[in-house]
Amino acid sequence: MQIICVKDNITNCDRCYKDMLMSNKISAYYDAIKQLEQIKQGDLILLYHKNWKVIAVGFAISNVLTNDMLKHDDRESFVYINWIFKANDDLNNSIDYRNIADGNPPPPTVSPVYKVNEKKLFEEMSKKQNLYV
């Protein structure tokens, strides 16, 4: 199992991260499609948003799939994810990446992360979970 940080594609699409969370997947378009190929079923995925925010954590439950139903230029590749943590809609309970990676910046686009402290990650997730009473 690898831990992989995936940027939310907000540069190209300001709503993509919402689709990824609601559809239980991570997506890539255009040149970024090839970067998803390093993700394998069972990998732990951190969905990274701007300003050091990890907005979701989950396990890859598929290898890379492609949606060819879209027009060729917008072809989407994606990996289905079983999210075990999702930030709420306003993202105010997101996890600060610096708290789990000893201050190291998140990697670009899609990249294995070797400096995430798993214990700190799960501690942060437990603090940030939405509890409904």
N, C-alpha and C. Protein backbone atom coordinates (compact mmCIF):
# COMPACT_ATOMS: atom_id res chain seq x y z
N MET A 1 0.84 -1.18 0.00
CA MET A 1 0.00 0.00 0.00
C MET A 1 0.89 1.25 0.00
N GLN A 2 0.55 2.16 -0.89
CA GLN A 2 1.19 3.46 -0.91
C GLN A 2 0.23 4.49 -0.31
N ILE A 3 0.79 5.58 0.18
CA ILE A 3 -0.02 6.75 0.52
C ILE A 3 0.21 7.73 -0.61
N ILE A 4 -0.88 8.17 -1.23
CA ILE A 4 -0.77 9.04 -2.40
C ILE A 4 -1.60 10.29 -2.19
N CYS A 5 -0.97 11.42 -2.44
CA CYS A 5 -1.64 12.71 -2.34
C CYS A 5 -2.10 13.10 -3.75
N VAL A 6 -3.37 13.49 -3.87
CA VAL A 6 -3.95 13.87 -5.15
C VAL A 6 -4.51 15.28 -5.02
N LYS A 7 -4.07 16.18 -5.90
CA LYS A 7 -4.65 17.53 -5.92
C LYS A 7 -6.04 17.46 -6.51
N ASP A 8 -6.89 18.38 -6.11
CA ASP A 8 -8.31 18.33 -6.45
C ASP A 8 -8.67 18.93 -7.80
N ASN A 9 -7.70 19.31 -8.61
CA ASN A 9 -7.94 19.83 -9.96
C ASN A 9 -8.63 21.19 -9.94
N ILE A 10 -8.53 21.92 -8.85
CA ILE A 10 -9.25 23.20 -8.74
C ILE A 10 -8.73 24.24 -9.73
N THR A 11 -7.50 24.08 -10.18
CA THR A 11 -6.95 25.02 -11.16
C THR A 11 -7.76 25.01 -12.45
N ASN A 12 -8.19 23.82 -12.87
CA ASN A 12 -8.93 23.68 -14.12
C ASN A 12 -10.44 23.67 -13.94
N CYS A 13 -10.89 23.35 -12.74
CA CYS A 13 -12.33 23.19 -12.53
C CYS A 13 -12.63 23.43 -11.05
N ASP A 14 -13.28 24.53 -10.74
CA ASP A 14 -13.49 24.88 -9.33
C ASP A 14 -14.55 24.02 -8.64
N ARG A 15 -15.27 23.19 -9.39
CA ARG A 15 -16.28 22.31 -8.79
C ARG A 15 -15.86 20.84 -8.78
N CYS A 16 -14.74 20.51 -9.38
CA CYS A 16 -14.35 19.10 -9.52
C CYS A 16 -14.22 18.38 -8.18
N TYR A 17 -13.69 19.07 -7.18
CA TYR A 17 -13.51 18.38 -5.91
C TYR A 17 -14.85 17.95 -5.31
N LYS A 18 -15.91 18.73 -5.53
CA LYS A 18 -17.23 18.35 -5.02
C LYS A 18 -17.74 17.09 -5.72
N ASP A 19 -17.50 17.00 -7.03
CA ASP A 19 -17.88 15.80 -7.77
C ASP A 19 -17.09 14.60 -7.27
N MET A 20 -15.81 14.77 -7.00
CA MET A 20 -14.98 13.67 -6.50
C MET A 20 -15.51 13.16 -5.16
N LEU A 21 -15.88 14.08 -4.28
CA LEU A 21 -16.38 13.67 -2.97
C LEU A 21 -17.74 12.98 -3.08
N MET A 22 -18.64 13.57 -3.86
CA MET A 22 -19.99 13.01 -3.99
C MET A 22 -20.01 11.71 -4.78
N SER A 23 -19.13 11.57 -5.74
CA SER A 23 -19.10 10.37 -6.60
C SER A 23 -18.13 9.31 -6.12
N ASN A 24 -17.50 9.54 -4.98
CA ASN A 24 -16.56 8.58 -4.40
C ASN A 24 -15.48 8.18 -5.40
N LYS A 25 -14.76 9.19 -5.88
CA LYS A 25 -13.70 8.93 -6.85
C LYS A 25 -12.71 10.08 -6.82
N ILE A 26 -11.56 9.84 -7.44
CA ILE A 26 -10.64 10.92 -7.79
C ILE A 26 -10.54 10.90 -9.30
N SER A 27 -10.41 12.07 -9.89
CA SER A 27 -10.46 12.19 -11.34
C SER A 27 -9.26 12.96 -11.87
N ALA A 28 -8.95 12.72 -13.13
CA ALA A 28 -7.93 13.48 -13.83
C ALA A 28 -8.38 13.67 -15.26
N TYR A 29 -7.97 14.77 -15.83
CA TYR A 29 -8.32 15.13 -17.19
C TYR A 29 -7.05 15.54 -17.94
N TYR A 30 -7.13 15.54 -19.23
CA TYR A 30 -6.04 16.04 -20.08
C TYR A 30 -4.73 15.30 -19.78
N ASP A 31 -3.64 16.04 -19.60
CA ASP A 31 -2.32 15.44 -19.41
C ASP A 31 -2.17 14.72 -18.07
N ALA A 32 -2.99 15.05 -17.10
CA ALA A 32 -2.87 14.46 -15.76
C ALA A 32 -3.36 13.01 -15.71
N ILE A 33 -4.03 12.56 -16.76
CA ILE A 33 -4.58 11.20 -16.77
C ILE A 33 -3.50 10.16 -16.49
N LYS A 34 -2.35 10.30 -17.11
CA LYS A 34 -1.28 9.31 -16.95
C LYS A 34 -0.78 9.22 -15.52
N GLN A 35 -0.91 10.31 -14.77
CA GLN A 35 -0.43 10.30 -13.40
C GLN A 35 -1.27 9.40 -12.49
N LEU A 36 -2.53 9.19 -12.83
CA LEU A 36 -3.36 8.30 -12.02
C LEU A 36 -2.94 6.83 -12.13
N GLU A 37 -2.23 6.50 -13.17
CA GLU A 37 -1.88 5.09 -13.40
C GLU A 37 -1.01 4.50 -12.30
N GLN A 38 -0.37 5.33 -11.49
CA GLN A 38 0.45 4.80 -10.40
C GLN A 38 -0.40 4.35 -9.21
N ILE A 39 -1.69 4.72 -9.20
CA ILE A 39 -2.57 4.34 -8.10
C ILE A 39 -3.08 2.92 -8.31
N LYS A 40 -2.99 2.14 -7.28
CA LYS A 40 -3.45 0.75 -7.32
C LYS A 40 -4.51 0.53 -6.24
N GLN A 41 -5.34 -0.44 -6.47
CA GLN A 41 -6.37 -0.81 -5.49
C GLN A 41 -5.70 -1.06 -4.14
N GLY A 42 -6.26 -0.46 -3.09
CA GLY A 42 -5.72 -0.62 -1.74
C GLY A 42 -4.85 0.54 -1.28
N ASP A 43 -4.42 1.42 -2.20
CA ASP A 43 -3.63 2.59 -1.81
C ASP A 43 -4.48 3.55 -0.99
N LEU A 44 -3.84 4.23 -0.05
CA LEU A 44 -4.50 5.25 0.77
C LEU A 44 -4.36 6.59 0.05
N ILE A 45 -5.48 7.25 -0.19
CA ILE A 45 -5.52 8.47 -0.98
C ILE A 45 -5.85 9.67 -0.08
N LEU A 46 -5.06 10.72 -0.21
CA LEU A 46 -5.33 11.99 0.46
C LEU A 46 -5.74 12.98 -0.63
N LEU A 47 -6.96 13.50 -0.56
CA LEU A 47 -7.40 14.49 -1.53
C LEU A 47 -7.05 15.87 -0.99
N TYR A 48 -6.14 16.55 -1.71
CA TYR A 48 -5.58 17.81 -1.27
C TYR A 48 -6.27 18.97 -1.97
N HIS A 49 -6.63 19.98 -1.19
CA HIS A 49 -7.27 21.19 -1.68
C HIS A 49 -6.30 22.36 -1.43
N LYS A 50 -6.59 23.51 -1.94
CA LYS A 50 -5.70 24.65 -1.75
C LYS A 50 -5.52 25.00 -0.27
N ASN A 51 -4.52 25.77 0.02
CA ASN A 51 -4.23 26.25 1.38
C ASN A 51 -3.94 25.13 2.36
N TRP A 52 -3.19 24.14 1.92
CA TRP A 52 -2.73 23.05 2.79
C TRP A 52 -3.83 22.14 3.31
N LYS A 53 -5.00 22.13 2.70
CA LYS A 53 -6.13 21.37 3.23
C LYS A 53 -6.22 19.98 2.62
N VAL A 54 -6.28 18.97 3.48
CA VAL A 54 -6.66 17.62 3.07
C VAL A 54 -8.15 17.52 3.33
N ILE A 55 -8.94 17.37 2.26
CA ILE A 55 -10.40 17.42 2.42
C ILE A 55 -11.04 16.04 2.42
N ALA A 56 -10.25 15.00 2.11
CA ALA A 56 -10.79 13.64 2.17
C ALA A 56 -9.64 12.64 2.23
N VAL A 57 -9.93 11.51 2.86
CA VAL A 57 -8.97 10.41 2.97
C VAL A 57 -9.74 9.13 2.71
N GLY A 58 -9.19 8.27 1.89
CA GLY A 58 -9.87 7.01 1.60
C GLY A 58 -8.97 6.01 0.90
N PHE A 59 -9.53 4.83 0.68
CA PHE A 59 -8.78 3.75 0.03
C PHE A 59 -9.25 3.58 -1.41
N ALA A 60 -8.30 3.40 -2.30
CA ALA A 60 -8.63 3.11 -3.70
C ALA A 60 -9.28 1.73 -3.76
N ILE A 61 -10.45 1.64 -4.39
CA ILE A 61 -11.14 0.35 -4.51
C ILE A 61 -11.23 -0.10 -5.97
N SER A 62 -10.53 0.61 -6.84
CA SER A 62 -10.42 0.18 -8.23
C SER A 62 -9.07 0.64 -8.76
N ASN A 63 -8.69 0.12 -9.89
CA ASN A 63 -7.58 0.68 -10.62
C ASN A 63 -8.14 1.78 -11.51
N VAL A 64 -7.34 2.35 -12.36
CA VAL A 64 -7.78 3.47 -13.20
C VAL A 64 -8.81 3.01 -14.22
N LEU A 65 -9.91 3.78 -14.31
CA LEU A 65 -10.96 3.56 -15.29
C LEU A 65 -11.10 4.81 -16.14
N THR A 66 -11.67 4.68 -17.32
CA THR A 66 -11.83 5.82 -18.22
C THR A 66 -13.27 5.93 -18.65
N ASN A 67 -13.78 7.16 -18.63
CA ASN A 67 -15.12 7.45 -19.10
C ASN A 67 -15.01 7.97 -20.52
N ASP A 68 -15.29 7.13 -21.49
CA ASP A 68 -15.21 7.53 -22.89
C ASP A 68 -16.51 8.12 -23.39
N MET A 69 -17.50 8.27 -22.53
CA MET A 69 -18.78 8.82 -22.97
C MET A 69 -18.71 10.33 -23.14
N LEU A 70 -17.69 10.93 -22.56
CA LEU A 70 -17.51 12.37 -22.73
C LEU A 70 -16.83 12.61 -24.07
N LYS A 71 -16.92 13.82 -24.57
CA LYS A 71 -16.23 14.11 -25.83
C LYS A 71 -14.73 13.92 -25.63
N HIS A 72 -14.03 13.59 -26.67
CA HIS A 72 -12.64 13.17 -26.58
C HIS A 72 -11.75 14.15 -25.81
N ASP A 73 -11.92 15.44 -26.01
CA ASP A 73 -11.05 16.42 -25.35
C ASP A 73 -11.23 16.45 -23.84
N ASP A 74 -12.40 16.06 -23.36
CA ASP A 74 -12.68 16.11 -21.93
C ASP A 74 -12.68 14.73 -21.28
N ARG A 75 -12.10 13.77 -21.93
CA ARG A 75 -12.10 12.40 -21.41
C ARG A 75 -11.59 12.39 -19.96
N GLU A 76 -12.31 11.69 -19.14
CA GLU A 76 -11.99 11.62 -17.72
C GLU A 76 -11.45 10.24 -17.39
N SER A 77 -10.38 10.20 -16.63
CA SER A 77 -9.93 8.97 -16.00
C SER A 77 -10.14 9.12 -14.51
N PHE A 78 -10.46 8.01 -13.85
CA PHE A 78 -10.78 8.11 -12.43
C PHE A 78 -10.48 6.81 -11.73
N VAL A 79 -10.42 6.89 -10.41
CA VAL A 79 -10.26 5.74 -9.53
C VAL A 79 -11.36 5.85 -8.48
N TYR A 80 -12.11 4.79 -8.27
CA TYR A 80 -13.12 4.81 -7.22
C TYR A 80 -12.45 4.73 -5.85
N ILE A 81 -13.01 5.49 -4.90
CA ILE A 81 -12.43 5.60 -3.56
C ILE A 81 -13.51 5.31 -2.51
N ASN A 82 -13.12 4.57 -1.49
CA ASN A 82 -13.97 4.40 -0.31
C ASN A 82 -13.48 5.43 0.70
N TRP A 83 -14.14 6.59 0.73
CA TRP A 83 -13.72 7.66 1.64
C TRP A 83 -13.99 7.25 3.08
N ILE A 84 -12.99 7.36 3.92
CA ILE A 84 -13.17 7.11 5.36
C ILE A 84 -13.21 8.42 6.14
N PHE A 85 -12.86 9.51 5.47
CA PHE A 85 -12.98 10.85 6.03
C PHE A 85 -13.30 11.82 4.90
N LYS A 86 -14.30 12.66 5.11
CA LYS A 86 -14.61 13.75 4.19
C LYS A 86 -14.84 15.01 5.01
N ALA A 87 -14.27 16.11 4.57
CA ALA A 87 -14.55 17.39 5.21
C ALA A 87 -16.00 17.77 4.91
N ASN A 88 -16.56 18.61 5.75
CA ASN A 88 -17.93 19.05 5.52
C ASN A 88 -17.99 20.02 4.34
N ASP A 89 -19.17 20.46 3.96
CA ASP A 89 -19.35 21.26 2.75
C ASP A 89 -18.55 22.56 2.73
N ASP A 90 -18.40 23.20 3.86
CA ASP A 90 -17.63 24.45 3.87
C ASP A 90 -16.14 24.22 4.14
N LEU A 91 -15.73 22.98 4.26
CA LEU A 91 -14.33 22.55 4.41
C LEU A 91 -13.67 23.06 5.69
N ASN A 92 -14.45 23.51 6.65
CA ASN A 92 -13.84 24.05 7.86
C ASN A 92 -13.31 22.97 8.82
N ASN A 93 -13.57 21.72 8.53
CA ASN A 93 -12.99 20.66 9.35
C ASN A 93 -11.95 19.86 8.56
N SER A 94 -11.37 20.47 7.54
CA SER A 94 -10.33 19.79 6.78
C SER A 94 -9.08 19.62 7.63
N ILE A 95 -8.20 18.74 7.20
CA ILE A 95 -6.97 18.43 7.93
C ILE A 95 -5.84 19.28 7.34
N ASP A 96 -5.12 19.96 8.20
CA ASP A 96 -3.98 20.75 7.75
C ASP A 96 -2.83 19.79 7.41
N TYR A 97 -2.43 19.80 6.15
CA TYR A 97 -1.39 18.89 5.68
C TYR A 97 -0.11 19.01 6.51
N ARG A 98 0.20 20.21 6.96
CA ARG A 98 1.43 20.41 7.74
C ARG A 98 1.41 19.64 9.06
N ASN A 99 0.22 19.39 9.60
CA ASN A 99 0.12 18.65 10.87
C ASN A 99 0.41 17.16 10.71
N ILE A 100 0.32 16.65 9.51
CA ILE A 100 0.54 15.21 9.31
C ILE A 100 1.81 14.92 8.53
N ALA A 101 2.47 15.96 8.02
CA ALA A 101 3.66 15.76 7.20
C ALA A 101 4.86 16.54 7.73
N ASP A 102 4.85 16.82 9.00
CA ASP A 102 5.97 17.51 9.65
C ASP A 102 6.37 18.79 8.91
N GLY A 103 5.38 19.53 8.42
CA GLY A 103 5.63 20.82 7.78
C GLY A 103 6.02 20.76 6.32
N ASN A 104 6.19 19.56 5.76
CA ASN A 104 6.57 19.45 4.35
C ASN A 104 5.39 19.84 3.46
N PRO A 105 5.67 20.50 2.33
CA PRO A 105 4.58 20.87 1.43
C PRO A 105 4.01 19.65 0.73
N PRO A 106 2.74 19.70 0.33
CA PRO A 106 2.17 18.58 -0.41
C PRO A 106 2.83 18.47 -1.79
N PRO A 107 2.93 17.26 -2.30
CA PRO A 107 3.54 17.08 -3.61
C PRO A 107 2.64 17.59 -4.72
N PRO A 108 3.18 17.79 -5.92
CA PRO A 108 2.36 18.28 -7.03
C PRO A 108 1.44 17.20 -7.58
N THR A 109 0.29 17.57 -8.02
CA THR A 109 -0.71 16.77 -8.73
C THR A 109 -0.97 15.42 -8.09
N VAL A 110 -0.41 14.33 -8.60
CA VAL A 110 -0.61 12.98 -8.06
C VAL A 110 0.77 12.44 -7.73
N SER A 111 1.01 12.17 -6.46
CA SER A 111 2.36 11.76 -6.09
C SER A 111 2.34 10.92 -4.82
N PRO A 112 3.17 9.85 -4.80
CA PRO A 112 3.31 9.11 -3.54
C PRO A 112 3.87 10.01 -2.45
N VAL A 113 3.38 9.81 -1.26
CA VAL A 113 3.80 10.62 -0.13
C VAL A 113 4.51 9.70 0.85
N TYR A 114 5.76 9.99 1.12
CA TYR A 114 6.52 9.13 2.01
C TYR A 114 6.76 9.76 3.37
N LYS A 115 6.37 11.02 3.53
CA LYS A 115 6.66 11.70 4.77
C LYS A 115 5.41 11.99 5.59
N VAL A 116 4.30 11.31 5.30
CA VAL A 116 3.10 11.49 6.11
C VAL A 116 3.21 10.58 7.33
N ASN A 117 2.94 11.15 8.47
CA ASN A 117 2.93 10.40 9.71
C ASN A 117 1.54 9.79 9.86
N GLU A 118 1.43 8.47 9.66
CA GLU A 118 0.13 7.80 9.67
C GLU A 118 -0.59 7.97 11.00
N LYS A 119 0.15 7.90 12.09
CA LYS A 119 -0.48 8.07 13.41
C LYS A 119 -1.11 9.46 13.52
N LYS A 120 -0.37 10.49 13.10
CA LYS A 120 -0.91 11.86 13.15
C LYS A 120 -2.10 12.00 12.22
N LEU A 121 -2.04 11.35 11.06
CA LEU A 121 -3.16 11.41 10.11
C LEU A 121 -4.43 10.89 10.76
N PHE A 122 -4.36 9.72 11.36
CA PHE A 122 -5.56 9.13 11.97
C PHE A 122 -6.00 9.90 13.22
N GLU A 123 -5.06 10.48 13.96
CA GLU A 123 -5.45 11.34 15.08
C GLU A 123 -6.22 12.56 14.59
N GLU A 124 -5.72 13.19 13.52
CA GLU A 124 -6.41 14.36 12.95
C GLU A 124 -7.79 13.98 12.41
N MET A 125 -7.88 12.83 11.76
CA MET A 125 -9.17 12.38 11.24
C MET A 125 -10.16 12.20 12.39
N SER A 126 -9.72 11.61 13.48
CA SER A 126 -10.65 11.38 14.59
C SER A 126 -11.10 12.69 15.22
N LYS A 127 -10.23 13.69 15.25
CA LYS A 127 -10.60 15.00 15.80
C LYS A 127 -11.59 15.72 14.90
N LYS A 128 -11.47 15.51 13.59
CA LYS A 128 -12.24 16.28 12.62
C LYS A 128 -13.54 15.61 12.16
N GLN A 129 -13.76 14.38 12.58
CA GLN A 129 -14.96 13.66 12.12
C GLN A 129 -16.23 14.43 12.46
N ASN A 130 -17.17 14.39 11.54
CA ASN A 130 -18.48 14.98 11.80
C ASN A 130 -19.27 14.02 12.69
N LEU A 131 -19.68 14.51 13.84
CA LEU A 131 -20.48 13.70 14.75
C LEU A 131 -21.89 14.24 14.76
N TYR A 132 -22.82 13.39 14.45
CA TYR A 132 -24.22 13.78 14.45
C TYR A 132 -24.89 13.19 15.67
N VAL A 133 -25.57 14.02 16.43
CA VAL A 133 -26.23 13.55 17.65
C VAL A 133 -27.72 13.61 17.46
